[in-house]
Amino acid sequence: MLVILGGCASVRDSLPQVSGSMFSPYKIDIVQGNVVTREQADLLQPGMPRQQVRDILGTPLVTSVFHADRWDYVFTFRRQGQEPQRRRLTVFFRGDVLERYEADELPSESAFVSSLDARKRSARNPALEATPEQLQRFAERNEQAAATEPPAPAAPPPVTSYPPLESSGGSN
């Protein structure tokens, strides 16, 4: 019994090294908040009413009764294997009109969409071309393979007549 338990301890001690390097559990993407792009922020103009700001940016993630003249738009995106993205835009109102806004560096819409693409892309696509010598060798290999393969079995002849669906000897 002690031998078995001792074996478990040695496996457990070596397991974090293996699991950390080769295997890791799947972690879902976590998206929180409002995505605000550079194009949206460029539409903001001092003097706009609150409703127009809401129409452009959406409902703010954070509003506070203590800061009624301030809306915070926060966006975070976490994906396994990538650096987390975090952006913030804060709009300030005087009464019911936009006074100013402060924002982190916001991506353009196309840059944001491309950052969501999880596939790894190679720097360039390989050229699909062959030299005449390579094409000749390929043709020769195909001819050799065709000569060594046994002929395919002949397909049975197609059925052209079908048996009757009902027996003819029965009475109604």
C-alpha atoms as a PDB file:
ATOM      1  CA  MET A   1       0.000   0.000   0.000  1.00  0.00           C
ATOM      2  CA  LEU A   2       2.809   2.426   0.845  1.00  0.00           C
ATOM      3  CA  VAL A   3       4.407   1.777  -2.536  1.00  0.00           C
ATOM      4  CA  ILE A   4       1.230   2.881  -4.322  1.00  0.00           C
ATOM      5  CA  LEU A   5       0.918   6.050  -2.271  1.00  0.00           C
ATOM      6  CA  GLY A   6       4.594   6.840  -2.838  1.00  0.00           C
ATOM      7  CA  GLY A   7       4.034   6.476  -6.574  1.00  0.00           C
ATOM      8  CA  CYS A   8       1.138   8.945  -6.441  1.00  0.00           C
ATOM      9  CA  ALA A   9       3.354  11.516  -4.757  1.00  0.00           C
ATOM     10  CA  SER A  10       6.009  11.231  -7.442  1.00  0.00           C
ATOM     11  CA  VAL A  11       3.394  11.577 -10.182  1.00  0.00           C
ATOM     12  CA  ARG A  12       1.866  14.591  -8.442  1.00  0.00           C
ATOM     13  CA  ASP A  13       5.284  16.240  -8.105  1.00  0.00           C
ATOM     14  CA  SER A  14       6.026  15.836 -11.809  1.00  0.00           C
ATOM     15  CA  LEU A  15       2.505  16.635 -13.015  1.00  0.00           C
ATOM     16  CA  PRO A  16       2.616  20.471 -12.671  1.00  0.00           C
ATOM     17  CA  GLN A  17       5.689  20.568 -14.904  1.00  0.00           C
ATOM     18  CA  VAL A  18       3.937  18.561 -17.611  1.00  0.00           C
ATOM     19  CA  SER A  19       0.573  20.268 -17.307  1.00  0.00           C
ATOM     20  CA  GLY A  20       2.061  23.765 -17.301  1.00  0.00           C
ATOM     21  CA  SER A  21       4.048  23.199 -20.452  1.00  0.00           C
ATOM     22  CA  MET A  22       1.834  20.977 -22.577  1.00  0.00           C
ATOM     23  CA  PHE A  23      -1.701  21.032 -21.296  1.00  0.00           C
ATOM     24  CA  SER A  24      -3.772  23.855 -19.993  1.00  0.00           C
ATOM     25  CA  PRO A  25      -7.507  23.981 -19.414  1.00  0.00           C
ATOM     26  CA  TYR A  26      -9.657  25.906 -21.846  1.00  0.00           C
ATOM     27  CA  LYS A  27     -10.600  29.337 -20.585  1.00  0.00           C
ATOM     28  CA  ILE A  28     -13.508  31.167 -22.155  1.00  0.00           C
ATOM     29  CA  ASP A  29     -13.183  34.677 -23.541  1.00  0.00           C
ATOM     30  CA  ILE A  30     -14.400  37.275 -21.058  1.00  0.00           C
ATOM     31  CA  VAL A  31     -15.888  40.433 -22.533  1.00  0.00           C
ATOM     32  CA  GLN A  32     -17.185  43.108 -20.203  1.00  0.00           C
ATOM     33  CA  GLY A  33     -18.446  46.602 -20.804  1.00  0.00           C
ATOM     34  CA  ASN A  34     -19.023  48.772 -23.836  1.00  0.00           C
ATOM     35  CA  VAL A  35     -16.852  48.721 -26.915  1.00  0.00           C
ATOM     36  CA  VAL A  36     -16.185  52.324 -27.883  1.00  0.00           C
ATOM     37  CA  THR A  37     -14.225  52.902 -31.085  1.00  0.00           C
ATOM     38  CA  ARG A  38     -12.338  55.947 -32.292  1.00  0.00           C
ATOM     39  CA  GLU A  39     -15.073  56.633 -34.860  1.00  0.00           C
ATOM     40  CA  GLN A  40     -17.698  56.819 -32.107  1.00  0.00           C
ATOM     41  CA  ALA A  41     -15.593  59.146 -29.958  1.00  0.00           C
ATOM     42  CA  ASP A  42     -14.990  61.406 -32.960  1.00  0.00           C
ATOM     43  CA  LEU A  43     -18.761  61.953 -33.218  1.00  0.00           C
ATOM     44  CA  LEU A  44     -18.923  63.480 -29.730  1.00  0.00           C
ATOM     45  CA  GLN A  45     -19.211  67.265 -29.709  1.00  0.00           C
ATOM     46  CA  PRO A  46     -19.492  69.608 -26.716  1.00  0.00           C
ATOM     47  CA  GLY A  47     -23.073  70.799 -26.289  1.00  0.00           C
ATOM     48  CA  MET A  48     -24.697  67.480 -27.291  1.00  0.00           C
ATOM     49  CA  PRO A  49     -27.653  66.409 -25.144  1.00  0.00           C
ATOM     50  CA  ARG A  50     -27.297  63.302 -22.947  1.00  0.00           C
ATOM     51  CA  GLN A  51     -29.668  61.280 -25.104  1.00  0.00           C
ATOM     52  CA  GLN A  52     -27.591  61.905 -28.228  1.00  0.00           C
ATOM     53  CA  VAL A  53     -24.421  60.795 -26.373  1.00  0.00           C
ATOM     54  CA  ARG A  54     -26.279  57.657 -25.257  1.00  0.00           C
ATOM     55  CA  ASP A  55     -27.375  57.025 -28.857  1.00  0.00           C
ATOM     56  CA  ILE A  56     -23.741  57.176 -30.045  1.00  0.00           C
ATOM     57  CA  LEU A  57     -21.993  55.314 -27.207  1.00  0.00           C
ATOM     58  CA  GLY A  58     -24.744  53.170 -25.737  1.00  0.00           C
ATOM     59  CA  THR A  59     -25.718  52.881 -22.105  1.00  0.00           C
ATOM     60  CA  PRO A  60     -22.772  53.648 -19.818  1.00  0.00           C
ATOM     61  CA  LEU A  61     -21.330  50.803 -17.781  1.00  0.00           C
ATOM     62  CA  VAL A  62     -20.916  52.952 -14.683  1.00  0.00           C
ATOM     63  CA  THR A  63     -23.197  55.742 -13.508  1.00  0.00           C
ATOM     64  CA  SER A  64     -23.136  57.067  -9.976  1.00  0.00           C
ATOM     65  CA  VAL A  65     -25.583  59.087  -7.937  1.00  0.00           C
ATOM     66  CA  PHE A  66     -22.551  60.802  -6.437  1.00  0.00           C
ATOM     67  CA  HIS A  67     -21.271  61.788  -9.907  1.00  0.00           C
ATOM     68  CA  ALA A  68     -24.469  62.504 -11.830  1.00  0.00           C
ATOM     69  CA  ASP A  69     -22.585  64.581 -14.412  1.00  0.00           C
ATOM     70  CA  ARG A  70     -20.176  61.782 -15.301  1.00  0.00           C
ATOM     71  CA  TRP A  71     -20.628  58.569 -17.311  1.00  0.00           C
ATOM     72  CA  ASP A  72     -17.905  55.938 -17.508  1.00  0.00           C
ATOM     73  CA  TYR A  73     -17.599  53.542 -20.426  1.00  0.00           C
ATOM     74  CA  VAL A  74     -15.211  50.732 -19.555  1.00  0.00           C
ATOM     75  CA  PHE A  75     -14.308  47.794 -21.766  1.00  0.00           C
ATOM     76  CA  THR A  76     -12.235  44.742 -20.842  1.00  0.00           C
ATOM     77  CA  PHE A  77     -11.512  41.710 -22.965  1.00  0.00           C
ATOM     78  CA  ARG A  78      -9.580  38.675 -21.756  1.00  0.00           C
ATOM     79  CA  ARG A  79      -8.653  35.777 -24.016  1.00  0.00           C
ATOM     80  CA  GLN A  80      -6.407  32.857 -23.207  1.00  0.00           C
ATOM     81  CA  GLY A  81      -2.930  33.358 -24.643  1.00  0.00           C
ATOM     82  CA  GLN A  82      -3.350  37.104 -25.296  1.00  0.00           C
ATOM     83  CA  GLU A  83      -2.705  40.228 -23.281  1.00  0.00           C
ATOM     84  CA  PRO A  84      -5.937  41.549 -21.707  1.00  0.00           C
ATOM     85  CA  GLN A  85      -7.406  44.617 -23.383  1.00  0.00           C
ATOM     86  CA  ARG A  86      -8.737  47.434 -21.178  1.00  0.00           C
ATOM     87  CA  ARG A  87     -10.054  50.768 -22.389  1.00  0.00           C
ATOM     88  CA  ARG A  88     -11.890  53.612 -20.711  1.00  0.00           C
ATOM     89  CA  LEU A  89     -13.849  56.621 -21.922  1.00  0.00           C
ATOM     90  CA  THR A  90     -15.414  59.092 -19.508  1.00  0.00           C
ATOM     91  CA  VAL A  91     -17.887  61.769 -20.565  1.00  0.00           C
ATOM     92  CA  PHE A  92     -18.585  64.818 -18.427  1.00  0.00           C
ATOM     93  CA  PHE A  93     -21.830  66.772 -18.542  1.00  0.00           C
ATOM     94  CA  ARG A  94     -22.810  70.207 -17.360  1.00  0.00           C
ATOM     95  CA  GLY A  95     -26.506  69.927 -16.713  1.00  0.00           C
ATOM     96  CA  ASP A  96     -27.910  67.920 -19.618  1.00  0.00           C
ATOM     97  CA  VAL A  97     -25.260  68.760 -22.236  1.00  0.00           C
ATOM     98  CA  LEU A  98     -21.864  67.229 -22.951  1.00  0.00           C
ATOM     99  CA  GLU A  99     -19.014  69.356 -21.660  1.00  0.00           C
ATOM    100  CA  ARG A 100     -15.987  67.166 -22.541  1.00  0.00           C
ATOM    101  CA  TYR A 101     -14.695  63.606 -22.613  1.00  0.00           C
ATOM    102  CA  GLU A 102     -11.489  61.822 -21.659  1.00  0.00           C
ATOM    103  CA  ALA A 103     -10.431  58.548 -23.224  1.00  0.00           C
ATOM    104  CA  ASP A 104      -7.628  56.042 -23.466  1.00  0.00           C
ATOM    105  CA  GLU A 105      -6.185  55.374 -26.903  1.00  0.00           C
ATOM    106  CA  LEU A 106      -9.210  53.953 -28.723  1.00  0.00           C
ATOM    107  CA  PRO A 107      -8.890  51.548 -31.660  1.00  0.00           C
ATOM    108  CA  SER A 108     -10.597  52.072 -34.957  1.00  0.00           C
ATOM    109  CA  GLU A 109     -13.505  49.751 -35.626  1.00  0.00           C
ATOM    110  CA  SER A 110     -11.526  47.675 -38.132  1.00  0.00           C
ATOM    111  CA  ALA A 111      -8.533  47.403 -35.750  1.00  0.00           C
ATOM    112  CA  PHE A 112     -10.820  46.245 -32.953  1.00  0.00           C
ATOM    113  CA  VAL A 113     -12.496  43.612 -35.123  1.00  0.00           C
ATOM    114  CA  SER A 114      -9.139  42.290 -36.307  1.00  0.00           C
ATOM    115  CA  SER A 115      -7.925  42.053 -32.695  1.00  0.00           C
ATOM    116  CA  LEU A 116     -10.805  39.660 -31.977  1.00  0.00           C
ATOM    117  CA  ASP A 117      -9.634  37.214 -34.650  1.00  0.00           C
ATOM    118  CA  ALA A 118      -8.009  34.436 -32.614  1.00  0.00           C
ATOM    119  CA  ARG A 119      -6.473  32.576 -35.538  1.00  0.00           C
ATOM    120  CA  LYS A 120      -2.738  32.798 -35.957  1.00  0.00           C
ATOM    121  CA  ARG A 121      -1.814  34.093 -39.375  1.00  0.00           C
ATOM    122  CA  SER A 122       1.428  33.416 -41.113  1.00  0.00           C
ATOM    123  CA  ALA A 123       3.447  36.319 -42.404  1.00  0.00           C
ATOM    124  CA  ARG A 124       2.886  35.282 -46.009  1.00  0.00           C
ATOM    125  CA  ASN A 125       1.157  32.534 -47.893  1.00  0.00           C
ATOM    126  CA  PRO A 126       3.417  29.927 -49.497  1.00  0.00           C
ATOM    127  CA  ALA A 127       3.767  30.058 -53.252  1.00  0.00           C
ATOM    128  CA  LEU A 128       1.977  27.188 -54.963  1.00  0.00           C
ATOM    129  CA  GLU A 129       4.210  26.520 -57.926  1.00  0.00           C
ATOM    130  CA  ALA A 130       6.214  23.598 -59.200  1.00  0.00           C
ATOM    131  CA  THR A 131       9.113  23.353 -61.601  1.00  0.00           C
ATOM    132  CA  PRO A 132       8.726  21.366 -64.823  1.00  0.00           C
ATOM    133  CA  GLU A 133      10.966  18.645 -63.320  1.00  0.00           C
ATOM    134  CA  GLN A 134       8.728  18.339 -60.252  1.00  0.00           C
ATOM    135  CA  LEU A 135       5.645  18.094 -62.464  1.00  0.00           C
ATOM    136  CA  GLN A 136       7.324  15.349 -64.567  1.00  0.00           C
ATOM    137  CA  ARG A 137       8.235  13.326 -61.445  1.00  0.00           C
ATOM    138  CA  PHE A 138       4.673  13.708 -60.171  1.00  0.00           C
ATOM    139  CA  ALA A 139       3.233  12.464 -63.467  1.00  0.00           C
ATOM    140  CA  GLU A 140       5.624   9.472 -63.459  1.00  0.00           C
ATOM    141  CA  ARG A 141       4.655   8.518 -59.911  1.00  0.00           C
ATOM    142  CA  ASN A 142       0.964   8.676 -60.826  1.00  0.00           C
ATOM    143  CA  GLU A 143       1.548   6.430 -63.860  1.00  0.00           C
ATOM    144  CA  GLN A 144       3.472   3.910 -61.729  1.00  0.00           C
ATOM    145  CA  ALA A 145       0.759   3.904 -59.084  1.00  0.00           C
ATOM    146  CA  ALA A 146      -1.945   3.380 -61.704  1.00  0.00           C
ATOM    147  CA  ALA A 147      -0.014   0.474 -63.261  1.00  0.00           C
ATOM    148  CA  THR A 148       0.487  -1.358 -59.956  1.00  0.00           C
ATOM    149  CA  GLU A 149      -3.071  -0.969 -58.680  1.00  0.00           C
ATOM    150  CA  PRO A 150      -5.424  -3.862 -59.392  1.00  0.00           C
ATOM    151  CA  PRO A 151      -8.345  -2.967 -61.611  1.00  0.00           C
ATOM    152  CA  ALA A 152     -11.424  -1.828 -59.794  1.00  0.00           C
ATOM    153  CA  PRO A 153     -14.199  -4.439 -59.618  1.00  0.00           C
ATOM    154  CA  ALA A 154     -16.831  -4.022 -62.240  1.00  0.00           C
ATOM    155  CA  ALA A 155     -20.007  -2.423 -61.035  1.00  0.00           C
ATOM    156  CA  PRO A 156     -23.119  -4.590 -61.230  1.00  0.00           C
ATOM    157  CA  PRO A 157     -25.355  -3.750 -64.148  1.00  0.00           C
ATOM    158  CA  PRO A 158     -28.087  -1.259 -63.313  1.00  0.00           C
ATOM    159  CA  VAL A 159     -31.483  -2.738 -62.497  1.00  0.00           C
ATOM    160  CA  THR A 160     -33.943  -1.727 -65.168  1.00  0.00           C
ATOM    161  CA  SER A 161     -36.994  -3.753 -64.154  1.00  0.00           C
ATOM    162  CA  TYR A 162     -38.566  -3.658 -60.740  1.00  0.00           C
ATOM    163  CA  PRO A 163     -40.842  -6.235 -59.105  1.00  0.00           C
ATOM    164  CA  PRO A 164     -44.496  -5.284 -58.809  1.00  0.00           C
ATOM    165  CA  LEU A 165     -45.489  -3.412 -55.665  1.00  0.00           C
ATOM    166  CA  GLU A 166     -48.606  -5.560 -55.172  1.00  0.00           C
ATOM    167  CA  SER A 167     -49.170  -9.190 -55.906  1.00  0.00           C
ATOM    168  CA  SER A 168     -51.303  -9.794 -59.013  1.00  0.00           C
ATOM    169  CA  GLY A 169     -53.003 -12.921 -57.636  1.00  0.00           C
ATOM    170  CA  GLY A 170     -54.960 -11.209 -54.846  1.00  0.00           C
ATOM    171  CA  SER A 171     -58.641 -10.241 -54.961  1.00  0.00           C
ATOM    172  CA  ASN A 172     -60.172  -6.992 -53.821  1.00  0.00           C
END
